[in-house]
Amino acid sequence: MKELADLARQGNLAYQQVFEEFGSCLAEMLDPYIVGFGAQLLVLGGQIAKSFDVFGPAHEQGLLPHHLSIYTSEHVIENTFKGIDQFFS
């Protein structure tokens, strides 16, 4: 995915369109879960977070009606365990 994101960053229109479509589709797919959960924050992590700059604008646009904060993290496992610890403490 890094290579594809790099091509989009370098101005390749076809790859930019792919990432825009991905961002839009991801927002559409998450929509019912955001509504059902009443989420106010979305955390994207791992490898996908590293390409947020190329799909993020379309993704954020798709989530605008939810007034949702989006946070990217490369330390998802660590943050997951911190959240579990806080939940059960």
PDB file of N, CA and C in Angstrom:
ATOM      1  N   MET A   1       0.822  -1.185   0.000  1.00  0.00           N
ATOM      2  CA  MET A   1       0.000   0.000   0.000  1.00  0.00           C
ATOM      3  C   MET A   1       0.870   1.255   0.000  1.00  0.00           C
ATOM      4  N   LYS A   2       2.024   1.178   0.618  1.00  0.00           N
ATOM      5  CA  LYS A   2       2.914   2.329   0.678  1.00  0.00           C
ATOM      6  C   LYS A   2       3.284   2.797  -0.722  1.00  0.00           C
ATOM      7  N   GLU A   3       3.589   1.859  -1.594  1.00  0.00           N
ATOM      8  CA  GLU A   3       3.982   2.224  -2.950  1.00  0.00           C
ATOM      9  C   GLU A   3       2.839   2.919  -3.693  1.00  0.00           C
ATOM     10  N   LEU A   4       1.630   2.430  -3.495  1.00  0.00           N
ATOM     11  CA  LEU A   4       0.462   3.038  -4.145  1.00  0.00           C
ATOM     12  C   LEU A   4       0.196   4.433  -3.596  1.00  0.00           C
ATOM     13  N   ALA A   5       0.306   4.584  -2.283  1.00  0.00           N
ATOM     14  CA  ALA A   5       0.121   5.894  -1.665  1.00  0.00           C
ATOM     15  C   ALA A   5       1.194   6.870  -2.146  1.00  0.00           C
ATOM     16  N   ASP A   6       2.409   6.386  -2.284  1.00  0.00           N
ATOM     17  CA  ASP A   6       3.485   7.246  -2.788  1.00  0.00           C
ATOM     18  C   ASP A   6       3.189   7.727  -4.201  1.00  0.00           C
ATOM     19  N   LEU A   7       2.639   6.861  -5.033  1.00  0.00           N
ATOM     20  CA  LEU A   7       2.277   7.270  -6.391  1.00  0.00           C
ATOM     21  C   LEU A   7       1.191   8.353  -6.360  1.00  0.00           C
ATOM     22  N   ALA A   8       0.238   8.204  -5.470  1.00  0.00           N
ATOM     23  CA  ALA A   8      -0.805   9.228  -5.323  1.00  0.00           C
ATOM     24  C   ALA A   8      -0.191  10.545  -4.856  1.00  0.00           C
ATOM     25  N   ARG A   9       0.720  10.464  -3.915  1.00  0.00           N
ATOM     26  CA  ARG A   9       1.390  11.673  -3.411  1.00  0.00           C
ATOM     27  C   ARG A   9       2.215  12.370  -4.496  1.00  0.00           C
ATOM     28  N   GLN A  10       2.736  11.588  -5.421  1.00  0.00           N
ATOM     29  CA  GLN A  10       3.558  12.135  -6.506  1.00  0.00           C
ATOM     30  C   GLN A  10       2.716  12.740  -7.622  1.00  0.00           C
ATOM     31  N   GLY A  11       1.395  12.688  -7.469  1.00  0.00           N
ATOM     32  CA  GLY A  11       0.519  13.332  -8.433  1.00  0.00           C
ATOM     33  C   GLY A  11      -0.119  12.430  -9.465  1.00  0.00           C
ATOM     34  N   ASN A  12       0.023  11.117  -9.316  1.00  0.00           N
ATOM     35  CA  ASN A  12      -0.603  10.190 -10.248  1.00  0.00           C
ATOM     36  C   ASN A  12      -2.119  10.240 -10.037  1.00  0.00           C
ATOM     37  N   LEU A  13      -2.827  10.797 -11.024  1.00  0.00           N
ATOM     38  CA  LEU A  13      -4.271  11.018 -10.885  1.00  0.00           C
ATOM     39  C   LEU A  13      -5.060   9.735 -10.688  1.00  0.00           C
ATOM     40  N   ALA A  14      -4.677   8.672 -11.360  1.00  0.00           N
ATOM     41  CA  ALA A  14      -5.397   7.404 -11.217  1.00  0.00           C
ATOM     42  C   ALA A  14      -5.313   6.905  -9.776  1.00  0.00           C
ATOM     43  N   TYR A  15      -4.138   6.971  -9.174  1.00  0.00           N
ATOM     44  CA  TYR A  15      -3.984   6.506  -7.797  1.00  0.00           C
ATOM     45  C   TYR A  15      -4.627   7.470  -6.809  1.00  0.00           C
ATOM     46  N   GLN A  16      -4.615   8.753  -7.114  1.00  0.00           N
ATOM     47  CA  GLN A  16      -5.320   9.710  -6.264  1.00  0.00           C
ATOM     48  C   GLN A  16      -6.814   9.400  -6.246  1.00  0.00           C
ATOM     49  N   GLN A  17      -7.361   9.068  -7.407  1.00  0.00           N
ATOM     50  CA  GLN A  17      -8.784   8.724  -7.498  1.00  0.00           C
ATOM     51  C   GLN A  17      -9.090   7.437  -6.735  1.00  0.00           C
ATOM     52  N   VAL A  18      -8.185   6.480  -6.794  1.00  0.00           N
ATOM     53  CA  VAL A  18      -8.377   5.226  -6.049  1.00  0.00           C
ATOM     54  C   VAL A  18      -8.469   5.524  -4.556  1.00  0.00           C
ATOM     55  N   PHE A  19      -7.566   6.348  -4.047  1.00  0.00           N
ATOM     56  CA  PHE A  19      -7.583   6.654  -2.620  1.00  0.00           C
ATOM     57  C   PHE A  19      -8.775   7.518  -2.235  1.00  0.00           C
ATOM     58  N   GLU A  20      -9.196   8.422  -3.112  1.00  0.00           N
ATOM     59  CA  GLU A  20     -10.407   9.198  -2.843  1.00  0.00           C
ATOM     60  C   GLU A  20     -11.617   8.272  -2.747  1.00  0.00           C
ATOM     61  N   GLU A  21     -11.711   7.335  -3.670  1.00  0.00           N
ATOM     62  CA  GLU A  21     -12.820   6.367  -3.655  1.00  0.00           C
ATOM     63  C   GLU A  21     -12.760   5.507  -2.386  1.00  0.00           C
ATOM     64  N   PHE A  22     -11.562   5.092  -2.023  1.00  0.00           N
ATOM     65  CA  PHE A  22     -11.399   4.306  -0.799  1.00  0.00           C
ATOM     66  C   PHE A  22     -11.877   5.095   0.411  1.00  0.00           C
ATOM     67  N   GLY A  23     -11.477   6.355   0.507  1.00  0.00           N
ATOM     68  CA  GLY A  23     -11.894   7.183   1.637  1.00  0.00           C
ATOM     69  C   GLY A  23     -13.401   7.329   1.709  1.00  0.00           C
ATOM     70  N   SER A  24     -14.026   7.547   0.565  1.00  0.00           N
ATOM     71  CA  SER A  24     -15.487   7.670   0.519  1.00  0.00           C
ATOM     72  C   SER A  24     -16.176   6.366   0.903  1.00  0.00           C
ATOM     73  N   CYS A  25     -15.686   5.258   0.362  1.00  0.00           N
ATOM     74  CA  CYS A  25     -16.280   3.949   0.667  1.00  0.00           C
ATOM     75  C   CYS A  25     -16.093   3.567   2.129  1.00  0.00           C
ATOM     76  N   LEU A  26     -14.945   3.887   2.688  1.00  0.00           N
ATOM     77  CA  LEU A  26     -14.702   3.592   4.100  1.00  0.00           C
ATOM     78  C   LEU A  26     -15.672   4.376   4.984  1.00  0.00           C
ATOM     79  N   ALA A  27     -15.887   5.639   4.658  1.00  0.00           N
ATOM     80  CA  ALA A  27     -16.846   6.447   5.418  1.00  0.00           C
ATOM     81  C   ALA A  27     -18.252   5.863   5.317  1.00  0.00           C
ATOM     82  N   GLU A  28     -18.638   5.468   4.115  1.00  0.00           N
ATOM     83  CA  GLU A  28     -19.971   4.881   3.909  1.00  0.00           C
ATOM     84  C   GLU A  28     -20.122   3.572   4.679  1.00  0.00           C
ATOM     85  N   MET A  29     -19.078   2.759   4.672  1.00  0.00           N
ATOM     86  CA  MET A  29     -19.130   1.475   5.372  1.00  0.00           C
ATOM     87  C   MET A  29     -19.216   1.672   6.888  1.00  0.00           C
ATOM     88  N   LEU A  30     -18.522   2.675   7.414  1.00  0.00           N
ATOM     89  CA  LEU A  30     -18.509   2.900   8.858  1.00  0.00           C
ATOM     90  C   LEU A  30     -19.756   3.618   9.364  1.00  0.00           C
ATOM     91  N   ASP A  31     -20.477   4.261   8.485  1.00  0.00           N
ATOM     92  CA  ASP A  31     -21.622   5.086   8.867  1.00  0.00           C
ATOM     93  C   ASP A  31     -22.597   4.407   9.837  1.00  0.00           C
ATOM     94  N   PRO A  32     -23.107   3.219   9.533  1.00  0.00           N
ATOM     95  CA  PRO A  32     -24.081   2.625  10.459  1.00  0.00           C
ATOM     96  C   PRO A  32     -23.480   2.293  11.829  1.00  0.00           C
ATOM     97  N   TYR A  33     -22.213   1.996  11.868  1.00  0.00           N
ATOM     98  CA  TYR A  33     -21.567   1.686  13.151  1.00  0.00           C
ATOM     99  C   TYR A  33     -21.363   2.951  13.975  1.00  0.00           C
ATOM    100  N   ILE A  34     -21.022   4.033  13.309  1.00  0.00           N
ATOM    101  CA  ILE A  34     -20.852   5.310  13.998  1.00  0.00           C
ATOM    102  C   ILE A  34     -22.180   5.752  14.596  1.00  0.00           C
ATOM    103  N   VAL A  35     -23.250   5.623  13.816  1.00  0.00           N
ATOM    104  CA  VAL A  35     -24.582   5.993  14.287  1.00  0.00           C
ATOM    105  C   VAL A  35     -25.017   5.076  15.424  1.00  0.00           C
ATOM    106  N   GLY A  36     -24.887   3.775  15.229  1.00  0.00           N
ATOM    107  CA  GLY A  36     -25.335   2.812  16.231  1.00  0.00           C
ATOM    108  C   GLY A  36     -24.577   2.909  17.541  1.00  0.00           C
ATOM    109  N   PHE A  37     -23.311   3.201  17.452  1.00  0.00           N
ATOM    110  CA  PHE A  37     -22.464   3.292  18.640  1.00  0.00           C
ATOM    111  C   PHE A  37     -22.515   4.686  19.255  1.00  0.00           C
ATOM    112  N   GLY A  38     -22.926   5.658  18.476  1.00  0.00           N
ATOM    113  CA  GLY A  38     -22.922   7.040  18.947  1.00  0.00           C
ATOM    114  C   GLY A  38     -21.502   7.578  19.092  1.00  0.00           C
ATOM    115  N   ALA A  39     -20.644   7.147  18.206  1.00  0.00           N
ATOM    116  CA  ALA A  39     -19.223   7.506  18.302  1.00  0.00           C
ATOM    117  C   ALA A  39     -19.004   8.999  18.114  1.00  0.00           C
ATOM    118  N   GLN A  40     -18.055   9.513  18.858  1.00  0.00           N
ATOM    119  CA  GLN A  40     -17.627  10.901  18.720  1.00  0.00           C
ATOM    120  C   GLN A  40     -16.185  10.986  18.240  1.00  0.00           C
ATOM    121  N   LEU A  41     -15.509   9.847  18.252  1.00  0.00           N
ATOM    122  CA  LEU A  41     -14.109   9.784  17.870  1.00  0.00           C
ATOM    123  C   LEU A  41     -13.870   8.503  17.094  1.00  0.00           C
ATOM    124  N   LEU A  42     -13.103   8.605  16.025  1.00  0.00           N
ATOM    125  CA  LEU A  42     -12.717   7.447  15.238  1.00  0.00           C
ATOM    126  C   LEU A  42     -11.198   7.384  15.233  1.00  0.00           C
ATOM    127  N   VAL A  43     -10.656   6.245  15.615  1.00  0.00           N
ATOM    128  CA  VAL A  43      -9.212   6.054  15.623  1.00  0.00           C
ATOM    129  C   VAL A  43      -8.851   5.076  14.520  1.00  0.00           C
ATOM    130  N   LEU A  44      -8.002   5.511  13.628  1.00  0.00           N
ATOM    131  CA  LEU A  44      -7.478   4.660  12.561  1.00  0.00           C
ATOM    132  C   LEU A  44      -6.009   4.420  12.860  1.00  0.00           C
ATOM    133  N   GLY A  45      -5.609   3.173  12.788  1.00  0.00           N
ATOM    134  CA  GLY A  45      -4.228   2.895  13.130  1.00  0.00           C
ATOM    135  C   GLY A  45      -3.593   1.883  12.214  1.00  0.00           C
ATOM    136  N   GLY A  46      -2.383   1.544  12.557  1.00  0.00           N
ATOM    137  CA  GLY A  46      -1.641   0.556  11.791  1.00  0.00           C
ATOM    138  C   GLY A  46      -1.196   1.120  10.467  1.00  0.00           C
ATOM    139  N   GLN A  47      -1.063   0.240   9.495  1.00  0.00           N
ATOM    140  CA  GLN A  47      -0.563   0.632   8.188  1.00  0.00           C
ATOM    141  C   GLN A  47      -1.488   1.611   7.476  1.00  0.00           C
ATOM    142  N   ILE A  48      -2.787   1.474   7.689  1.00  0.00           N
ATOM    143  CA  ILE A  48      -3.734   2.353   6.997  1.00  0.00           C
ATOM    144  C   ILE A  48      -3.553   3.805   7.431  1.00  0.00           C
ATOM    145  N   ALA A  49      -3.166   4.020   8.672  1.00  0.00           N
ATOM    146  CA  ALA A  49      -2.968   5.379   9.169  1.00  0.00           C
ATOM    147  C   ALA A  49      -1.835   6.092   8.431  1.00  0.00           C
ATOM    148  N   LYS A  50      -0.898   5.324   7.931  1.00  0.00           N
ATOM    149  CA  LYS A  50       0.244   5.918   7.235  1.00  0.00           C
ATOM    150  C   LYS A  50      -0.123   6.505   5.878  1.00  0.00           C
ATOM    151  N   SER A  51      -1.295   6.152   5.352  1.00  0.00           N
ATOM    152  CA  SER A  51      -1.727   6.714   4.071  1.00  0.00           C
ATOM    153  C   SER A  51      -2.960   7.606   4.230  1.00  0.00           C
ATOM    154  N   PHE A  52      -3.230   8.016   5.455  1.00  0.00           N
ATOM    155  CA  PHE A  52      -4.404   8.853   5.707  1.00  0.00           C
ATOM    156  C   PHE A  52      -4.345  10.164   4.923  1.00  0.00           C
ATOM    157  N   ASP A  53      -3.142  10.660   4.691  1.00  0.00           N
ATOM    158  CA  ASP A  53      -3.020  11.922   3.956  1.00  0.00           C
ATOM    159  C   ASP A  53      -3.587  11.827   2.545  1.00  0.00           C
ATOM    160  N   VAL A  54      -3.628  10.639   1.955  1.00  0.00           N
ATOM    161  CA  VAL A  54      -4.137  10.514   0.587  1.00  0.00           C
ATOM    162  C   VAL A  54      -5.605  10.095   0.511  1.00  0.00           C
ATOM    163  N   PHE A  55      -6.130   9.449   1.540  1.00  0.00           N
ATOM    164  CA  PHE A  55      -7.561   9.104   1.503  1.00  0.00           C
ATOM    165  C   PHE A  55      -8.368   9.882   2.532  1.00  0.00           C
ATOM    166  N   GLY A  56      -7.693  10.530   3.465  1.00  0.00           N
ATOM    167  CA  GLY A  56      -8.355  11.220   4.563  1.00  0.00           C
ATOM    168  C   GLY A  56      -9.331  12.311   4.161  1.00  0.00           C
ATOM    169  N   PRO A  57      -8.974  13.198   3.223  1.00  0.00           N
ATOM    170  CA  PRO A  57      -9.935  14.250   2.878  1.00  0.00           C
ATOM    171  C   PRO A  57     -11.294  13.716   2.404  1.00  0.00           C
ATOM    172  N   ALA A  58     -11.303  12.704   1.564  1.00  0.00           N
ATOM    173  CA  ALA A  58     -12.574  12.115   1.106  1.00  0.00           C
ATOM    174  C   ALA A  58     -13.276  11.403   2.258  1.00  0.00           C
ATOM    175  N   HIS A  59     -12.507  10.759   3.109  1.00  0.00           N
ATOM    176  CA  HIS A  59     -13.059  10.062   4.269  1.00  0.00           C
ATOM    177  C   HIS A  59     -13.716  11.057   5.226  1.00  0.00           C
ATOM    178  N   GLU A  60     -13.008  12.138   5.518  1.00  0.00           N
ATOM    179  CA  GLU A  60     -13.552  13.163   6.411  1.00  0.00           C
ATOM    180  C   GLU A  60     -14.809  13.795   5.830  1.00  0.00           C
ATOM    181  N   GLN A  61     -14.807  14.036   4.526  1.00  0.00           N
ATOM    182  CA  GLN A  61     -15.977  14.610   3.865  1.00  0.00           C
ATOM    183  C   GLN A  61     -17.193  13.703   4.038  1.00  0.00           C
ATOM    184  N   GLY A  62     -16.991  12.405   3.911  1.00  0.00           N
ATOM    185  CA  GLY A  62     -18.086  11.458   4.070  1.00  0.00           C
ATOM    186  C   GLY A  62     -18.613  11.370   5.490  1.00  0.00           C
ATOM    187  N   LEU A  63     -17.782  11.760   6.450  1.00  0.00           N
ATOM    188  CA  LEU A  63     -18.187  11.679   7.859  1.00  0.00           C
ATOM    189  C   LEU A  63     -18.620  13.020   8.438  1.00  0.00           C
ATOM    190  N   LEU A  64     -18.616  14.071   7.638  1.00  0.00           N
ATOM    191  CA  LEU A  64     -18.978  15.403   8.125  1.00  0.00           C
ATOM    192  C   LEU A  64     -20.303  15.455   8.886  1.00  0.00           C
ATOM    193  N   PRO A  65     -21.351  14.790   8.413  1.00  0.00           N
ATOM    194  CA  PRO A  65     -22.631  14.885   9.127  1.00  0.00           C
ATOM    195  C   PRO A  65     -22.565  14.396  10.582  1.00  0.00           C
ATOM    196  N   HIS A  66     -21.557  13.622  10.916  1.00  0.00           N
ATOM    197  CA  HIS A  66     -21.462  13.059  12.270  1.00  0.00           C
ATOM    198  C   HIS A  66     -20.668  13.931  13.237  1.00  0.00           C
ATOM    199  N   HIS A  67     -20.040  14.991  12.722  1.00  0.00           N
ATOM    200  CA  HIS A  67     -19.212  15.863  13.573  1.00  0.00           C
ATOM    201  C   HIS A  67     -18.244  15.025  14.399  1.00  0.00           C
ATOM    202  N   LEU A  68     -17.583  14.129  13.724  1.00  0.00           N
ATOM    203  CA  LEU A  68     -16.716  13.126  14.338  1.00  0.00           C
ATOM    204  C   LEU A  68     -15.265  13.575  14.281  1.00  0.00           C
ATOM    205  N   SER A  69     -14.541  13.422  15.369  1.00  0.00           N
ATOM    206  CA  SER A  69     -13.104  13.662  15.351  1.00  0.00           C
ATOM    207  C   SER A  69     -12.414  12.398  14.864  1.00  0.00           C
ATOM    208  N   ILE A  70     -11.414  12.574  14.025  1.00  0.00           N
ATOM    209  CA  ILE A  70     -10.667  11.429  13.499  1.00  0.00           C
ATOM    210  C   ILE A  70      -9.228  11.552  13.961  1.00  0.00           C
ATOM    211  N   TYR A  71      -8.729  10.480  14.506  1.00  0.00           N
ATOM    212  CA  TYR A  71      -7.381  10.441  15.056  1.00  0.00           C
ATOM    213  C   TYR A  71      -6.645   9.274  14.412  1.00  0.00           C
ATOM    214  N   THR A  72      -5.426   9.509  14.000  1.00  0.00           N
ATOM    215  CA  THR A  72      -4.621   8.408  13.466  1.00  0.00           C
ATOM    216  C   THR A  72      -3.507   8.097  14.446  1.00  0.00           C
ATOM    217  N   SER A  73      -3.194   6.823  14.540  1.00  0.00           N
ATOM    218  CA  SER A  73      -2.170   6.374  15.480  1.00  0.00           C
ATOM    219  C   SER A  73      -1.380   5.226  14.869  1.00  0.00           C
ATOM    220  N   GLU A  74      -0.096   5.291  15.040  1.00  0.00           N
ATOM    221  CA  GLU A  74       0.744   4.179  14.611  1.00  0.00           C
ATOM    222  C   GLU A  74       0.988   3.215  15.769  1.00  0.00           C
ATOM    223  N   HIS A  75       0.421   3.519  16.927  1.00  0.00           N
ATOM    224  CA  HIS A  75       0.642   2.705  18.123  1.00  0.00           C
ATOM    225  C   HIS A  75      -0.673   2.088  18.593  1.00  0.00           C
ATOM    226  N   VAL A  76      -1.388   1.468  17.678  1.00  0.00           N
ATOM    227  CA  VAL A  76      -2.727   0.966  17.977  1.00  0.00           C
ATOM    228  C   VAL A  76      -2.721  -0.121  19.039  1.00  0.00           C
ATOM    229  N   ILE A  77      -1.807  -1.052  18.955  1.00  0.00           N
ATOM    230  CA  ILE A  77      -1.776  -2.147  19.930  1.00  0.00           C
ATOM    231  C   ILE A  77      -1.575  -1.593  21.334  1.00  0.00           C
ATOM    232  N   GLU A  78      -0.623  -0.705  21.475  1.00  0.00           N
ATOM    233  CA  GLU A  78      -0.360  -0.089  22.782  1.00  0.00           C
ATOM    234  C   GLU A  78      -1.594   0.652  23.290  1.00  0.00           C
ATOM    235  N   ASN A  79      -2.217   1.443  22.411  1.00  0.00           N
ATOM    236  CA  ASN A  79      -3.399   2.195  22.814  1.00  0.00           C
ATOM    237  C   ASN A  79      -4.594   1.288  23.094  1.00  0.00           C
ATOM    238  N   THR A  80      -4.695   0.181  22.386  1.00  0.00           N
ATOM    239  CA  THR A  80      -5.766  -0.780  22.644  1.00  0.00           C
ATOM    240  C   THR A  80      -5.665  -1.323  24.058  1.00  0.00           C
ATOM    241  N   PHE A  81      -4.475  -1.713  24.449  1.00  0.00           N
ATOM    242  CA  PHE A  81      -4.295  -2.250  25.797  1.00  0.00           C
ATOM    243  C   PHE A  81      -4.477  -1.182  26.871  1.00  0.00           C
ATOM    244  N   LYS A  82      -4.097   0.047  26.584  1.00  0.00           N
ATOM    245  CA  LYS A  82      -4.358   1.132  27.534  1.00  0.00           C
ATOM    246  C   LYS A  82      -5.857   1.314  27.723  1.00  0.00           C
ATOM    247  N   GLY A  83      -6.606   1.262  26.616  1.00  0.00           N
ATOM    248  CA  GLY A  83      -8.053   1.389  26.698  1.00  0.00           C
ATOM    249  C   GLY A  83      -8.699   0.252  27.462  1.00  0.00           C
ATOM    250  N   ILE A  84      -8.228  -0.960  27.237  1.00  0.00           N
ATOM    251  CA  ILE A  84      -8.737  -2.129  27.975  1.00  0.00           C
ATOM    252  C   ILE A  84      -8.453  -1.971  29.456  1.00  0.00           C
ATOM    253  N   ASP A  85      -7.251  -1.527  29.779  1.00  0.00           N
ATOM    254  CA  ASP A  85      -6.876  -1.315  31.180  1.00  0.00           C
ATOM    255  C   ASP A  85      -7.785  -0.275  31.842  1.00  0.00           C
ATOM    256  N   GLN A  86      -8.039   0.821  31.149  1.00  0.00           N
ATOM    257  CA  GLN A  86      -8.914   1.859  31.699  1.00  0.00           C
ATOM    258  C   GLN A  86     -10.343   1.362  31.848  1.00  0.00           C
ATOM    259  N   PHE A  87     -10.799   0.563  30.906  1.00  0.00           N
ATOM    260  CA  PHE A  87     -12.165   0.050  30.936  1.00  0.00           C
ATOM    261  C   PHE A  87     -12.387  -0.857  32.150  1.00  0.00           C
ATOM    262  N   PHE A  88     -11.388  -1.689  32.472  1.00  0.00           N
ATOM    263  CA  PHE A  88     -11.553  -2.656  33.552  1.00  0.00           C
ATOM    264  C   PHE A  88     -10.986  -2.187  34.879  1.00  0.00           C
ATOM    265  N   SER A  89     -10.437  -0.990  34.911  1.00  0.00           N
ATOM    266  CA  SER A  89      -9.868  -0.473  36.176  1.00  0.00           C
ATOM    267  C   SER A  89     -10.901   0.265  36.980  1.00  0.00           C
TER     268      SER A  89
END
